[in-house]
Protein backbone atom coordinates (compact mmCIF):
# COMPACT_ATOMS: atom_id res chain seq x y z
CA MET A 1 -80.16 -9.71 116.50
CA LYS A 2 -78.77 -12.51 114.29
CA MET A 3 -78.99 -10.23 111.04
CA LEU A 4 -77.64 -7.00 112.98
CA PHE A 5 -74.36 -9.75 113.93
CA SER A 6 -74.49 -10.62 110.11
CA ALA A 7 -73.88 -7.20 109.13
CA LEU A 8 -71.25 -6.45 111.62
CA LEU A 9 -69.78 -9.89 110.40
CA LEU A 10 -70.40 -8.63 107.17
CA GLY A 11 -69.10 -4.60 107.55
CA ALA A 12 -66.23 -6.11 108.58
CA ALA A 13 -65.09 -8.30 105.69
CA ILE A 14 -65.40 -4.93 103.59
CA ALA A 15 -63.62 -2.84 105.87
CA PHE A 16 -60.61 -5.87 106.03
CA THR A 17 -60.91 -5.95 102.52
CA ALA A 18 -60.53 -2.64 101.48
CA GLY A 19 -57.79 -2.28 104.73
CA ALA A 20 -55.22 -4.67 102.55
CA ALA A 21 -56.17 -3.03 99.26
CA SER A 22 -54.78 0.03 100.63
CA ALA A 23 -52.12 -1.01 102.72
CA GLN A 24 -50.70 -2.88 99.31
CA GLU A 25 -51.10 0.42 97.25
CA ALA A 26 -49.30 2.20 99.95
CA GLN A 27 -46.45 -0.55 99.82
CA THR A 28 -45.94 0.31 96.12
CA ALA A 29 -45.96 3.71 96.20
CA LYS A 30 -42.99 3.83 97.89
CA PRO A 31 -39.50 4.70 96.00
CA ASN A 32 -37.26 2.37 95.85
CA PRO A 33 -34.08 2.71 97.73
CA PHE A 34 -31.60 0.91 94.92
CA GLY A 35 -33.15 2.72 92.18
CA GLN A 36 -33.74 6.26 91.34
CA GLY A 37 -37.79 6.82 90.86
CA ALA A 38 -38.00 2.94 90.12
CA GLN A 39 -41.24 0.65 91.42
CA SER A 40 -41.30 -2.68 91.70
CA ALA A 41 -44.01 -4.18 89.78
CA GLY A 42 -45.25 -5.73 92.54
CA PRO A 43 -45.82 -9.10 93.16
CA ALA A 44 -48.27 -9.76 90.55
CA SER A 45 -45.82 -9.74 87.92
CA PRO A 46 -43.48 -12.92 86.94
CA ALA A 47 -40.09 -12.40 87.56
CA PRO A 48 -38.23 -12.93 84.39
CA LYS A 49 -36.81 -16.02 82.74
CA LYS A 50 -33.12 -15.95 83.26
CA THR A 51 -31.72 -16.77 79.44
CA ARG A 52 -28.24 -17.93 79.05
CA ALA A 53 -25.92 -15.77 77.44
CA ALA A 54 -24.78 -16.35 73.66
CA SER A 55 -20.79 -15.76 75.06
CA ALA A 56 -21.04 -18.80 76.84
CA LEU A 57 -22.08 -21.14 74.25
CA LYS A 58 -19.28 -23.25 72.31
CA ALA A 59 -18.85 -23.78 69.03
CA GLY A 60 -21.75 -25.83 67.52
CA GLN A 61 -24.44 -24.78 70.75
CA PHE A 62 -27.09 -22.78 69.98
CA ALA A 63 -29.36 -21.16 72.17
CA SER A 64 -32.40 -22.06 70.43
CA GLU A 65 -33.55 -25.10 68.69
CA SER A 66 -34.44 -23.18 65.85
CA GLU A 67 -30.91 -21.95 65.64
CA ALA A 68 -29.32 -25.76 65.31
CA LYS A 69 -32.47 -27.16 63.63
CA ALA A 70 -31.16 -24.39 60.49
CA SER A 71 -27.51 -25.54 61.02
CA CYS A 72 -27.86 -28.90 60.78
CA PRO A 73 -31.15 -30.02 58.15
CA GLY A 74 -30.58 -33.35 57.72
CA ASP A 75 -29.87 -34.43 61.51
CA THR A 76 -30.98 -34.71 64.52
CA VAL A 77 -31.09 -31.38 66.83
CA VAL A 78 -30.46 -32.43 70.46
CA TRP A 79 -30.14 -30.98 74.47
CA VAL A 80 -27.08 -31.19 75.95
CA ASN A 81 -26.06 -30.41 79.79
CA THR A 82 -23.00 -28.95 79.85
CA GLY A 83 -22.58 -29.44 83.24
CA THR A 84 -22.55 -33.27 83.25
CA LYS A 85 -21.82 -33.49 79.67
CA VAL A 86 -25.08 -35.98 78.25
CA TYR A 87 -27.13 -35.13 75.66
CA HIS A 88 -31.21 -35.35 75.56
CA HIS A 89 -33.18 -36.17 72.92
CA ALA A 90 -36.46 -33.73 71.79
CA GLY A 91 -39.60 -35.49 74.00
CA THR A 92 -37.86 -36.79 76.49
CA SER A 93 -37.98 -35.12 79.99
CA SER A 94 -34.58 -33.48 80.19
CA TYR A 95 -35.09 -32.34 76.97
CA GLY A 96 -33.95 -28.18 77.16
CA THR A 97 -35.01 -27.87 80.80
CA THR A 98 -31.82 -29.39 83.14
CA LYS A 99 -29.91 -25.21 84.60
CA ARG A 100 -26.87 -25.34 81.82
CA GLY A 101 -27.71 -26.51 78.60
CA ALA A 102 -27.79 -25.91 74.64
CA TYR A 103 -29.16 -27.15 71.05
CA MET A 104 -26.79 -29.39 68.93
CA CYS A 105 -26.80 -30.76 65.85
CA GLU A 106 -26.26 -35.25 67.18
CA LYS A 107 -23.38 -35.85 64.85
CA ASN A 108 -21.15 -32.76 66.61
CA THR A 109 -21.45 -33.91 70.60
CA ALA A 110 -19.40 -37.13 70.52
CA ALA A 111 -16.27 -34.50 68.98
CA ALA A 112 -17.74 -32.02 71.90
CA GLY A 113 -17.36 -34.72 74.46
CA PHE A 114 -20.77 -35.40 75.15
CA ARG A 115 -23.23 -38.49 75.15
CA ALA A 116 -26.52 -40.05 75.13
CA ALA A 117 -28.29 -40.53 78.44
CA LYS A 118 -28.34 -44.04 79.72
CA ASN A 119 -32.30 -44.08 80.23
CA GLU A 120 -32.91 -42.85 76.39
CA LYS A 121 -33.55 -44.10 73.35
CA GLY A 122 -31.98 -42.32 70.68
CA LYS A 123 -34.45 -42.24 67.44
């Protein structure tokens, strides 16, 4: 009796798993009402990272750290938060992570109206 109950539970679990998989396949097979035949990649694919538009950057600001380093080889590259007008040094938690910002040469920050973060020590 115990074995029969275990077999029934196992069978129900397998049927449930198979049903969930076929429901997911059916859901992804639906046509996209917003595009012509375009289908969603499904919930497993991560959303693409948002990138800053190059036109939003002002003079002396760079989208990547490597561009900034190439522009000012003898100066320190910092991350400027364009919303708060504060800049952060490499190795700090805010470096490159704020919602709005760009990389800049530290020598150009004062002229652009940025100040150093109060809780960070410069290099």
